[in-house]
Amino acid sequence: MTKKEKVSFVIEKLDQLYPEIPIPLDHKDPYTLLIAVLMSAQ
């Protein structure tokens, strides 16, 4: 199994286990998401 095949396998399995991951931060657009990430890091 090549490195590329291993990466593809892992990505496929993760997609099966976690099909849609919600973003736990409140945001309305990409800018407010950026601000929420910056504020949560403080």
PDB file of N, CA and C in Angstrom:
ATOM      1  N   MET A   1       0.855  -1.176   0.000  1.00  0.00           N
ATOM      2  CA  MET A   1       0.000   0.000   0.000  1.00  0.00           C
ATOM      3  C   MET A   1       0.903   1.242   0.000  1.00  0.00           C
ATOM      4  N   THR A   2       0.718   2.083  -0.995  1.00  0.00           N
ATOM      5  CA  THR A   2       1.544   3.285  -1.092  1.00  0.00           C
ATOM      6  C   THR A   2       1.033   4.353  -0.133  1.00  0.00           C
ATOM      7  N   LYS A   3       1.829   5.375   0.028  1.00  0.00           N
ATOM      8  CA  LYS A   3       1.456   6.465   0.926  1.00  0.00           C
ATOM      9  C   LYS A   3       0.158   7.133   0.464  1.00  0.00           C
ATOM     10  N   LYS A   4       0.017   7.313  -0.842  1.00  0.00           N
ATOM     11  CA  LYS A   4      -1.187   7.936  -1.399  1.00  0.00           C
ATOM     12  C   LYS A   4      -2.421   7.072  -1.130  1.00  0.00           C
ATOM     13  N   GLU A   5      -2.280   5.759  -1.242  1.00  0.00           N
ATOM     14  CA  GLU A   5      -3.388   4.846  -0.968  1.00  0.00           C
ATOM     15  C   GLU A   5      -3.765   4.865   0.511  1.00  0.00           C
ATOM     16  N   LYS A   6      -2.767   4.952   1.380  1.00  0.00           N
ATOM     17  CA  LYS A   6      -3.037   5.022   2.819  1.00  0.00           C
ATOM     18  C   LYS A   6      -3.806   6.285   3.167  1.00  0.00           C
ATOM     19  N   VAL A   7      -3.388   7.411   2.581  1.00  0.00           N
ATOM     20  CA  VAL A   7      -4.066   8.684   2.840  1.00  0.00           C
ATOM     21  C   VAL A   7      -5.510   8.609   2.357  1.00  0.00           C
ATOM     22  N   SER A   8      -5.718   8.066   1.178  1.00  0.00           N
ATOM     23  CA  SER A   8      -7.074   7.924   0.631  1.00  0.00           C
ATOM     24  C   SER A   8      -7.932   7.036   1.530  1.00  0.00           C
ATOM     25  N   PHE A   9      -7.352   5.957   2.032  1.00  0.00           N
ATOM     26  CA  PHE A   9      -8.077   5.047   2.915  1.00  0.00           C
ATOM     27  C   PHE A   9      -8.491   5.752   4.202  1.00  0.00           C
ATOM     28  N   VAL A  10      -7.571   6.477   4.808  1.00  0.00           N
ATOM     29  CA  VAL A  10      -7.863   7.175   6.066  1.00  0.00           C
ATOM     30  C   VAL A  10      -8.939   8.235   5.849  1.00  0.00           C
ATOM     31  N   ILE A  11      -8.823   9.000   4.779  1.00  0.00           N
ATOM     32  CA  ILE A  11      -9.819  10.038   4.494  1.00  0.00           C
ATOM     33  C   ILE A  11     -11.196   9.414   4.265  1.00  0.00           C
ATOM     34  N   GLU A  12     -11.232   8.312   3.554  1.00  0.00           N
ATOM     35  CA  GLU A  12     -12.503   7.621   3.302  1.00  0.00           C
ATOM     36  C   GLU A  12     -13.136   7.145   4.608  1.00  0.00           C
ATOM     37  N   LYS A  13     -12.334   6.552   5.485  1.00  0.00           N
ATOM     38  CA  LYS A  13     -12.858   6.063   6.765  1.00  0.00           C
ATOM     39  C   LYS A  13     -13.343   7.213   7.645  1.00  0.00           C
ATOM     40  N   LEU A  14     -12.599   8.314   7.677  1.00  0.00           N
ATOM     41  CA  LEU A  14     -13.026   9.469   8.467  1.00  0.00           C
ATOM     42  C   LEU A  14     -14.329  10.054   7.927  1.00  0.00           C
ATOM     43  N   ASP A  15     -14.478  10.087   6.611  1.00  0.00           N
ATOM     44  CA  ASP A  15     -15.727  10.564   6.011  1.00  0.00           C
ATOM     45  C   ASP A  15     -16.900   9.664   6.381  1.00  0.00           C
ATOM     46  N   GLN A  16     -16.658   8.371   6.498  1.00  0.00           N
ATOM     47  CA  GLN A  16     -17.720   7.442   6.895  1.00  0.00           C
ATOM     48  C   GLN A  16     -18.093   7.632   8.362  1.00  0.00           C
ATOM     49  N   LEU A  17     -17.094   7.815   9.217  1.00  0.00           N
ATOM     50  CA  LEU A  17     -17.352   7.963  10.648  1.00  0.00           C
ATOM     51  C   LEU A  17     -17.944   9.316  11.007  1.00  0.00           C
ATOM     52  N   TYR A  18     -17.487  10.357  10.337  1.00  0.00           N
ATOM     53  CA  TYR A  18     -17.905  11.725  10.641  1.00  0.00           C
ATOM     54  C   TYR A  18     -18.365  12.413   9.358  1.00  0.00           C
ATOM     55  N   PRO A  19     -19.576  12.076   8.874  1.00  0.00           N
ATOM     56  CA  PRO A  19     -20.018  12.608   7.578  1.00  0.00           C
ATOM     57  C   PRO A  19     -20.202  14.124   7.566  1.00  0.00           C
ATOM     58  N   GLU A  20     -20.697  14.693   8.650  1.00  0.00           N
ATOM     59  CA  GLU A  20     -20.892  16.139   8.698  1.00  0.00           C
ATOM     60  C   GLU A  20     -20.555  16.629  10.101  1.00  0.00           C
ATOM     61  N   ILE A  21     -19.516  17.411  10.202  1.00  0.00           N
ATOM     62  CA  ILE A  21     -19.074  17.906  11.498  1.00  0.00           C
ATOM     63  C   ILE A  21     -19.586  19.331  11.670  1.00  0.00           C
ATOM     64  N   PRO A  22     -20.423  19.570  12.686  1.00  0.00           N
ATOM     65  CA  PRO A  22     -20.918  20.937  12.899  1.00  0.00           C
ATOM     66  C   PRO A  22     -19.827  21.829  13.485  1.00  0.00           C
ATOM     67  N   ILE A  23     -19.875  23.095  13.133  1.00  0.00           N
ATOM     68  CA  ILE A  23     -18.940  24.065  13.700  1.00  0.00           C
ATOM     69  C   ILE A  23     -19.584  24.609  14.973  1.00  0.00           C
ATOM     70  N   PRO A  24     -18.963  24.404  16.129  1.00  0.00           N
ATOM     71  CA  PRO A  24     -19.603  24.776  17.395  1.00  0.00           C
ATOM     72  C   PRO A  24     -19.618  26.274  17.688  1.00  0.00           C
ATOM     73  N   LEU A  25     -18.992  27.076  16.855  1.00  0.00           N
ATOM     74  CA  LEU A  25     -18.969  28.516  17.086  1.00  0.00           C
ATOM     75  C   LEU A  25     -20.093  29.193  16.312  1.00  0.00           C
ATOM     76  N   ASP A  26     -20.751  30.188  16.960  1.00  0.00           N
ATOM     77  CA  ASP A  26     -21.797  30.952  16.277  1.00  0.00           C
ATOM     78  C   ASP A  26     -21.183  31.851  15.227  1.00  0.00           C
ATOM     79  N   HIS A  27     -21.716  31.780  14.015  1.00  0.00           N
ATOM     80  CA  HIS A  27     -21.238  32.670  12.963  1.00  0.00           C
ATOM     81  C   HIS A  27     -22.296  32.824  11.881  1.00  0.00           C
ATOM     82  N   LYS A  28     -22.266  33.968  11.226  1.00  0.00           N
ATOM     83  CA  LYS A  28     -23.211  34.256  10.145  1.00  0.00           C
ATOM     84  C   LYS A  28     -22.515  34.241   8.793  1.00  0.00           C
ATOM     85  N   ASP A  29     -21.231  34.543   8.790  1.00  0.00           N
ATOM     86  CA  ASP A  29     -20.450  34.583   7.555  1.00  0.00           C
ATOM     87  C   ASP A  29     -18.997  34.273   7.907  1.00  0.00           C
ATOM     88  N   PRO A  30     -18.132  34.138   6.925  1.00  0.00           N
ATOM     89  CA  PRO A  30     -16.728  33.789   7.215  1.00  0.00           C
ATOM     90  C   PRO A  30     -16.026  34.790   8.136  1.00  0.00           C
ATOM     91  N   TYR A  31     -16.367  36.066   8.032  1.00  0.00           N
ATOM     92  CA  TYR A  31     -15.724  37.073   8.881  1.00  0.00           C
ATOM     93  C   TYR A  31     -16.083  36.866  10.352  1.00  0.00           C
ATOM     94  N   THR A  32     -17.367  36.648  10.647  1.00  0.00           N
ATOM     95  CA  THR A  32     -17.749  36.441  12.046  1.00  0.00           C
ATOM     96  C   THR A  32     -17.190  35.119  12.580  1.00  0.00           C
ATOM     97  N   LEU A  33     -17.029  34.124  11.710  1.00  0.00           N
ATOM     98  CA  LEU A  33     -16.385  32.876  12.135  1.00  0.00           C
ATOM     99  C   LEU A  33     -14.933  33.139  12.514  1.00  0.00           C
ATOM    100  N   LEU A  34     -14.240  33.944  11.721  1.00  0.00           N
ATOM    101  CA  LEU A  34     -12.851  34.301  12.032  1.00  0.00           C
ATOM    102  C   LEU A  34     -12.767  34.997  13.385  1.00  0.00           C
ATOM    103  N   ILE A  35     -13.650  35.947  13.632  1.00  0.00           N
ATOM    104  CA  ILE A  35     -13.652  36.664  14.911  1.00  0.00           C
ATOM    105  C   ILE A  35     -13.959  35.700  16.056  1.00  0.00           C
ATOM    106  N   ALA A  36     -14.906  34.783  15.859  1.00  0.00           N
ATOM    107  CA  ALA A  36     -15.243  33.810  16.901  1.00  0.00           C
ATOM    108  C   ALA A  36     -14.047  32.919  17.220  1.00  0.00           C
ATOM    109  N   VAL A  37     -13.302  32.516  16.206  1.00  0.00           N
ATOM    110  CA  VAL A  37     -12.106  31.686  16.428  1.00  0.00           C
ATOM    111  C   VAL A  37     -11.057  32.474  17.194  1.00  0.00           C
ATOM    112  N   LEU A  38     -10.844  33.722  16.806  1.00  0.00           N
ATOM    113  CA  LEU A  38      -9.853  34.550  17.505  1.00  0.00           C
ATOM    114  C   LEU A  38     -10.250  34.777  18.958  1.00  0.00           C
ATOM    115  N   MET A  39     -11.522  35.025  19.200  1.00  0.00           N
ATOM    116  CA  MET A  39     -11.981  35.262  20.570  1.00  0.00           C
ATOM    117  C   MET A  39     -11.895  33.986  21.421  1.00  0.00           C
ATOM    118  N   SER A  40     -12.148  32.839  20.829  1.00  0.00           N
ATOM    119  CA  SER A  40     -12.104  31.595  21.598  1.00  0.00           C
ATOM    120  C   SER A  40     -10.673  31.203  21.952  1.00  0.00           C
ATOM    121  N   ALA A  41      -9.709  31.708  21.212  1.00  0.00           N
ATOM    122  CA  ALA A  41      -8.310  31.363  21.463  1.00  0.00           C
ATOM    123  C   ALA A  41      -7.708  32.185  22.598  1.00  0.00           C
ATOM    124  N   GLN A  42      -8.423  33.183  23.038  1.00  0.00           N
ATOM    125  CA  GLN A  42      -7.852  34.050  24.085  1.00  0.00           C
ATOM    126  C   GLN A  42      -8.109  33.517  25.466  1.00  0.00           C
TER     127      GLN A  42
END
